[in-house]
Protein backbone atom coordinates (compact mmCIF):
# COMPACT_ATOMS: atom_id res chain seq x y z
CA MET A 1 -0.02 0.06 0.06
CA SER A 2 1.35 3.49 -0.79
CA VAL A 3 0.24 7.07 -0.62
CA THR A 4 1.34 10.14 -2.53
CA CYS A 5 1.21 13.17 -0.37
CA ALA A 6 1.46 16.32 -2.49
CA GLY A 7 1.27 19.85 -1.28
CA ILE A 8 2.98 22.20 1.17
CA LEU A 9 6.44 21.60 2.47
CA VAL A 10 7.65 23.76 5.34
CA ALA A 11 10.71 24.33 7.71
CA ASP A 12 9.03 24.80 11.21
CA VAL A 13 10.95 26.89 13.86
CA VAL A 14 9.16 26.07 17.32
CA ARG A 15 9.52 28.23 20.24
CA ARG A 16 7.65 27.14 23.48
CA PHE A 17 7.17 30.02 26.16
CA ARG A 18 5.35 30.72 29.35
CA GLU A 19 5.58 34.47 29.13
CA ARG A 20 5.25 36.38 25.88
CA ALA A 21 7.96 39.04 25.49
CA GLU A 22 6.88 42.59 25.23
CA THR A 23 8.33 44.97 22.62
CA GLY A 24 11.91 45.71 23.20
CA ARG A 25 12.22 43.05 25.94
CA LEU A 26 14.12 39.72 26.43
CA VAL A 27 12.52 36.62 27.74
CA THR A 28 14.59 33.71 28.65
CA LEU A 29 13.06 30.31 27.60
CA GLU A 30 12.95 27.17 29.50
CA GLU A 31 13.32 25.01 26.27
CA PRO A 32 15.50 25.24 23.28
CA ILE A 33 14.16 26.67 20.14
CA THR A 34 13.85 23.70 17.74
CA LEU A 35 13.65 23.16 13.91
CA HIS A 36 11.37 20.58 12.40
CA VAL A 37 10.06 19.46 9.07
CA GLY A 38 6.55 20.86 8.66
CA GLY A 39 3.69 21.46 6.03
CA CYS A 40 0.65 19.13 5.58
CA ALA A 41 2.40 17.02 2.75
CA ALA A 42 5.47 16.22 4.58
CA ASN A 43 3.69 15.73 8.05
CA THR A 44 1.18 13.37 6.71
CA GLY A 45 3.73 11.50 4.73
CA ILE A 46 6.02 11.09 7.73
CA CYS A 47 3.22 9.94 9.81
CA LEU A 48 2.26 7.34 7.28
CA SER A 49 5.69 6.00 7.01
CA LYS A 50 5.93 5.58 10.86
CA MET A 51 2.64 3.64 10.52
CA GLY A 52 4.36 1.48 7.99
CA ILE A 53 2.95 2.92 4.64
CA GLU A 54 5.06 3.77 1.78
CA SER A 55 4.92 7.40 1.08
CA ARG A 56 5.95 9.74 -1.88
CA ILE A 57 6.44 13.23 -1.00
CA VAL A 58 5.61 15.75 -3.81
CA GLY A 59 6.14 19.44 -3.37
CA LYS A 60 8.58 22.47 -3.94
CA ILE A 61 11.46 23.73 -1.85
CA GLY A 62 14.16 26.37 -2.28
CA ARG A 63 17.78 25.98 -2.78
CA ASP A 64 18.79 27.12 0.57
CA TYR A 65 19.56 25.96 4.11
CA TRP A 66 15.88 25.47 4.97
CA GLY A 67 15.39 23.33 1.81
CA ARG A 68 18.67 21.15 2.58
CA PHE A 69 17.20 20.56 6.08
CA VAL A 70 13.77 19.40 4.78
CA ILE A 71 15.01 17.16 2.07
CA GLU A 72 17.70 15.53 4.28
CA THR A 73 15.32 15.05 7.25
CA LEU A 74 12.75 13.28 4.79
CA LYS A 75 15.41 11.13 3.45
CA GLY A 76 16.08 9.91 6.80
CA HIS A 77 12.73 8.39 7.24
CA ASP A 78 12.30 4.81 6.21
CA ARG A 79 9.55 4.24 3.47
CA ILE A 80 9.55 7.88 2.08
CA ASP A 81 10.35 8.59 -1.51
CA VAL A 82 11.49 12.24 -2.09
CA THR A 83 11.99 11.89 -5.84
CA GLY A 84 8.86 13.98 -6.33
CA VAL A 85 10.35 17.19 -4.49
CA THR A 86 11.45 19.82 -6.87
CA TYR A 87 13.18 23.05 -6.55
CA ALA A 88 12.26 26.61 -6.97
CA ASP A 89 14.83 28.92 -8.76
CA SER A 90 13.52 32.27 -7.50
CA ALA A 91 11.87 31.44 -4.11
CA MET A 92 13.13 30.29 -0.56
CA THR A 93 11.79 27.35 1.18
CA ALA A 94 8.49 28.03 3.03
CA THR A 95 9.15 28.60 6.70
CA THR A 96 6.79 29.01 9.72
CA ASP A 97 7.56 30.47 13.25
CA ILE A 98 5.25 28.62 15.67
CA GLU A 99 4.89 29.95 19.13
CA VAL A 100 3.45 27.48 21.69
CA ASP A 101 2.19 28.45 24.99
CA ILE A 102 3.76 25.72 27.46
CA GLU A 103 0.47 26.12 29.75
CA THR A 104 -2.35 25.96 27.29
CA GLY A 105 -0.85 24.44 24.11
CA ASP A 106 -2.18 27.33 22.22
CA ARG A 107 -0.17 28.20 19.10
CA THR A 108 0.45 31.22 16.89
CA PHE A 109 1.84 30.94 13.45
CA TYR A 110 3.91 33.36 11.37
CA HIS A 111 4.10 31.78 7.81
CA TYR A 112 6.15 32.67 4.74
CA VAL A 113 4.64 30.86 1.69
CA GLY A 114 7.93 30.82 -0.23
CA ALA A 115 8.57 27.94 -2.82
CA ASN A 116 5.06 26.58 -2.01
CA ALA A 117 3.65 29.51 -4.13
CA GLU A 118 5.43 28.26 -7.20
CA PHE A 119 4.16 24.51 -6.77
CA SER A 120 2.03 23.78 -9.61
CA THR A 121 0.51 20.60 -11.35
CA ASP A 122 3.49 20.87 -13.82
CA ASP A 123 5.49 19.59 -10.99
CA ILE A 124 3.63 16.47 -10.49
CA SER A 125 4.95 13.51 -12.57
CA GLU A 126 3.09 10.54 -13.85
CA GLU A 127 4.92 8.38 -11.28
CA SER A 128 3.08 10.19 -8.53
CA PHE A 129 -0.15 8.47 -9.31
CA ASP A 130 1.27 5.05 -8.84
CA CYS A 131 -0.34 4.70 -5.51
CA GLU A 132 -3.51 3.78 -3.58
CA VAL A 133 -4.45 7.33 -2.69
CA PHE A 134 -3.05 10.63 -4.08
CA HIS A 135 -3.45 13.17 -1.12
CA MET A 136 -3.24 16.96 -1.61
CA GLY A 137 -2.22 18.49 1.84
CA GLY A 138 -2.37 22.21 2.83
CA TYR A 139 -4.27 22.90 -0.42
CA ASN A 140 -5.15 26.67 0.23
CA LEU A 141 -1.53 27.42 0.49
CA VAL A 142 -0.60 26.24 -3.19
CA PRO A 143 -2.19 29.04 -5.23
CA ARG A 144 -1.10 27.89 -8.63
CA ILE A 145 -3.18 24.82 -8.21
CA THR A 146 -6.57 26.60 -8.71
CA PRO A 147 -9.84 24.51 -8.29
CA ARG A 148 -10.08 24.28 -12.14
CA ARG A 149 -6.65 22.59 -12.11
CA LEU A 150 -7.25 20.62 -9.06
CA ARG A 151 -10.24 19.15 -10.62
CA SER A 152 -8.18 18.21 -13.67
CA LEU A 153 -5.39 16.69 -11.45
CA PHE A 154 -7.83 14.62 -9.50
CA SER A 155 -9.74 13.37 -12.65
CA LYS A 156 -6.08 12.29 -13.82
CA ALA A 157 -5.51 10.48 -10.69
CA HIS A 158 -8.74 8.54 -11.04
CA SER A 159 -7.74 7.66 -14.58
CA SER A 160 -4.65 6.24 -13.13
CA GLY A 161 -6.57 4.11 -10.69
CA CYS A 162 -6.08 5.92 -7.44
CA SER A 163 -8.34 7.55 -5.06
CA THR A 164 -8.07 11.17 -4.30
CA SER A 165 -7.71 12.98 -0.97
CA ILE A 166 -7.60 16.61 0.17
CA ASP A 167 -6.93 18.49 3.52
CA LEU A 168 -7.28 22.28 3.44
CA ALA A 169 -5.27 24.92 5.18
CA TRP A 170 -6.50 28.30 6.51
CA SER A 171 -5.71 31.28 3.97
CA ASP A 172 -7.06 34.74 3.65
CA GLN A 173 -5.98 34.80 0.09
CA VAL A 174 -8.50 32.55 -1.53
CA ASP A 175 -12.11 32.27 -2.63
CA TRP A 176 -13.12 29.25 -0.47
CA THR A 177 -16.35 28.51 -2.37
CA GLN A 178 -14.64 27.85 -5.65
CA LEU A 179 -13.57 24.44 -4.21
CA GLN A 180 -17.16 23.41 -4.59
CA SER A 181 -16.32 23.03 -8.30
CA ALA A 182 -13.86 20.37 -7.88
CA MET A 183 -15.75 18.39 -5.13
CA ASP A 184 -17.10 15.73 -7.42
CA GLN A 185 -13.33 14.68 -7.89
CA ILE A 186 -12.58 14.40 -4.28
CA ASP A 187 -13.02 10.96 -2.48
CA TYR A 188 -11.84 11.77 0.89
CA TYR A 189 -12.33 15.38 2.22
CA PHE A 190 -10.62 16.62 5.43
CA SER A 191 -10.82 20.16 7.02
CA ASN A 192 -11.42 21.73 10.30
CA ILE A 193 -14.91 23.07 11.07
CA ASP A 194 -14.10 26.78 10.23
CA GLU A 195 -12.59 25.83 6.89
CA ALA A 196 -15.63 23.74 6.10
CA ARG A 197 -17.96 26.51 6.86
CA MET A 198 -15.84 28.88 4.65
CA VAL A 199 -16.10 26.23 1.61
CA LEU A 200 -19.90 26.48 2.12
CA ALA A 201 -20.08 30.37 2.89
CA ASP A 202 -22.37 29.05 5.85
CA PRO A 203 -20.62 30.50 9.19
CA ASP A 204 -23.61 29.22 11.42
CA SER A 205 -24.35 25.76 10.25
CA SER A 206 -24.02 22.71 12.55
CA VAL A 207 -21.44 20.20 11.81
CA ASP A 208 -24.06 17.75 10.73
CA ARG A 209 -25.42 19.96 8.08
CA ILE A 210 -21.99 21.00 6.96
CA SER A 211 -20.93 17.28 6.46
CA ALA A 212 -24.08 16.25 4.80
CA SER A 213 -23.84 19.34 2.40
CA ILE A 214 -20.24 18.59 1.50
CA MET A 215 -20.95 14.87 0.88
CA SER A 216 -23.79 15.71 -1.34
CA MET A 217 -21.14 17.14 -3.76
CA GLY A 218 -19.39 13.94 -4.41
CA PRO A 219 -16.85 12.76 -1.41
CA GLN A 220 -17.15 9.37 -0.04
CA VAL A 221 -15.79 10.27 3.26
CA VAL A 222 -16.05 13.82 5.02
CA ALA A 223 -13.90 14.19 8.03
CA ILE A 224 -14.18 17.34 10.05
CA LYS A 225 -11.53 18.04 12.58
CA ARG A 226 -12.83 19.74 15.83
CA GLY A 227 -9.68 20.21 17.98
CA LEU A 228 -10.40 19.65 21.53
CA ASP A 229 -14.02 18.69 20.64
CA GLY A 230 -12.53 15.50 18.72
CA CYS A 231 -13.76 14.79 15.20
CA HIS A 232 -17.02 14.27 13.00
CA ILE A 233 -16.76 11.93 10.26
CA ARG A 234 -19.60 11.10 7.61
CA THR A 235 -19.75 8.31 5.19
CA GLN A 236 -22.66 7.20 3.04
CA ASP A 237 -23.55 4.76 5.64
CA SER A 238 -22.65 6.21 9.07
CA VAL A 239 -21.95 9.40 11.10
CA VAL A 240 -19.37 9.17 13.79
CA ASP A 241 -18.93 11.98 16.57
CA MET A 242 -15.85 11.25 18.57
CA PRO A 243 -14.44 13.49 21.45
CA SER A 244 -10.82 14.09 22.07
CA ASP A 245 -8.99 11.38 24.06
CA PRO A 246 -8.37 12.57 27.73
CA GLN A 247 -5.53 10.02 27.98
CA PHE A 248 -3.34 12.70 26.13
CA LYS A 249 -1.99 15.82 27.53
CA ALA A 250 -1.50 18.50 24.91
CA VAL A 251 1.99 19.80 24.72
CA ASP A 252 2.11 21.08 21.25
CA GLY A 253 -0.81 20.94 18.75
CA THR A 254 1.35 21.32 15.53
CA GLY A 255 0.63 18.52 13.16
CA ALA A 256 -2.21 16.91 14.98
CA GLY A 257 -4.47 17.46 12.01
CA ASP A 258 -2.03 15.91 9.70
CA ALA A 259 -1.51 12.84 11.88
CA PHE A 260 -5.32 12.38 12.12
CA VAL A 261 -5.39 12.54 8.28
CA ALA A 262 -2.62 9.93 7.99
CA GLY A 263 -4.68 7.64 10.49
CA MET A 264 -7.80 7.98 8.42
CA LEU A 265 -6.15 7.34 5.23
CA LEU A 266 -4.40 4.17 6.68
CA GLY A 267 -7.75 2.92 8.06
CA ILE A 268 -9.63 3.65 4.70
CA CYS A 269 -6.81 1.87 2.76
CA GLU A 270 -6.80 -1.06 5.00
CA GLY A 271 -10.70 -1.57 4.59
CA TRP A 272 -11.40 -0.99 8.46
CA ASP A 273 -15.00 0.01 9.54
CA ILE A 274 -15.36 3.76 10.10
CA GLY A 275 -15.52 3.31 13.88
CA LYS A 276 -12.15 1.81 14.02
CA THR A 277 -10.74 4.04 11.50
CA ALA A 278 -11.87 7.22 13.39
CA ARG A 279 -10.76 5.74 16.82
CA PHE A 280 -7.27 5.14 15.30
CA ALA A 281 -7.04 8.60 13.62
CA ASN A 282 -8.30 10.18 16.85
CA ALA A 283 -5.48 8.37 18.79
CA ALA A 284 -2.70 9.31 16.18
CA GLY A 285 -3.65 12.90 16.70
CA GLY A 286 -3.50 12.40 20.41
CA PHE A 287 0.01 10.87 20.25
CA CYS A 288 1.03 13.78 18.11
CA VAL A 289 0.10 16.44 20.65
CA SER A 290 1.83 14.91 23.42
CA LYS A 291 5.29 15.86 22.19
CA PRO A 292 6.71 19.07 20.59
CA GLY A 293 6.84 19.20 16.82
CA ALA A 294 4.63 17.96 14.07
CA THR A 295 5.65 14.46 13.95
CA SER A 296 7.82 13.56 16.77
CA GLY A 297 5.11 12.07 19.03
CA ILE A 298 3.91 9.55 16.23
CA PRO A 299 4.75 5.90 17.15
CA ASP A 300 4.41 2.86 14.93
CA ARG A 301 0.96 1.44 13.83
CA LYS A 302 1.19 -1.37 16.51
CA THR A 303 1.64 1.01 19.34
CA ILE A 304 -1.48 3.07 18.36
CA LEU A 305 -3.46 -0.07 17.92
CA ASN A 306 -2.52 -1.41 21.40
CA PHE A 307 -3.41 1.98 22.86
CA VAL A 308 -6.85 2.00 21.08
CA GLU A 309 -7.47 -1.66 22.28
CA SER A 310 -6.36 -1.09 25.79
CA ASN A 311 -8.37 2.39 26.28
CA GLU A 312 -11.87 2.65 25.61
CA LEU A 313 -13.54 5.88 24.56
CA SER A 314 -17.27 6.46 24.29
CA TYR A 315 -18.46 7.94 20.97
CA SER A 316 -21.48 7.92 18.90
CA ILE A 317 -22.17 6.33 15.58
CA ARG A 318 -25.36 6.43 13.84
CA PRO A 319 -26.73 6.09 10.41
CA GLY A 320 -25.52 8.44 7.67
CA ARG A 321 -28.77 9.13 6.09
CA SER A 322 -30.48 10.25 9.07
CA GLU A 323 -29.89 13.95 8.42
């Protein structure tokens, strides 16, 4: 089984603090400032590789220190193919400065789009469709892949025999509703609740109505990430509402959504029922937040499965056509 993870690649600089510095003032940190590979495509691919899934990373980096760090770190993971990573000639690698409140786990992001702004469908080779799932991560931060081009790309993926998946990312630079025109080519849809409401231009709808509306446009699975409120997942047959797992203490929420997506894709590809898939993905997100960085907390598949089997979590599952 293999998954191609296309989309944003980022170098993440993470600072964890108890006291935010005022202008002109220095605050001494308790923990070192750390550097991590980030971006939805890289995070999801790394998580999948840790879970035993072959992953091809497809994206764009700059010819700079950050880019060298990203590519060498990806190469250090088993089961990751980086031949789909290309270089931008006139842009630096995308970077994000992430501030994490040690007490609450709340995060603030300062993002430079960089080479991701040059990533386009021309950078995606035919070999990228030799997989079970072609996943686009951080979609709203790759501006050259418009909804029209995304629709064509996913149609090509279907013709090559693979399923398609998309995970959005927050942006104030896009017309969210345009994604509706490509929805009939998306098999597995992922976003948080605020992003889903932006896609539908419906800021007040319930999560049930939102997932039903998105599913009516074409996706087979609609998964809504809800942070501390867990997740909401709709298929043609079932609706799952699952809380976050209280067993995990949130240290850093960076990458939790990508870990959740990786867990969902694994379960879908393995043919698990939606309850088991959601529980596994939920636990993957929990492991992620338990350590700093986007992927450092992710264990192997067996560890996650053992945790799920040893720790019951009450959740609701009901017929999908009840709405």
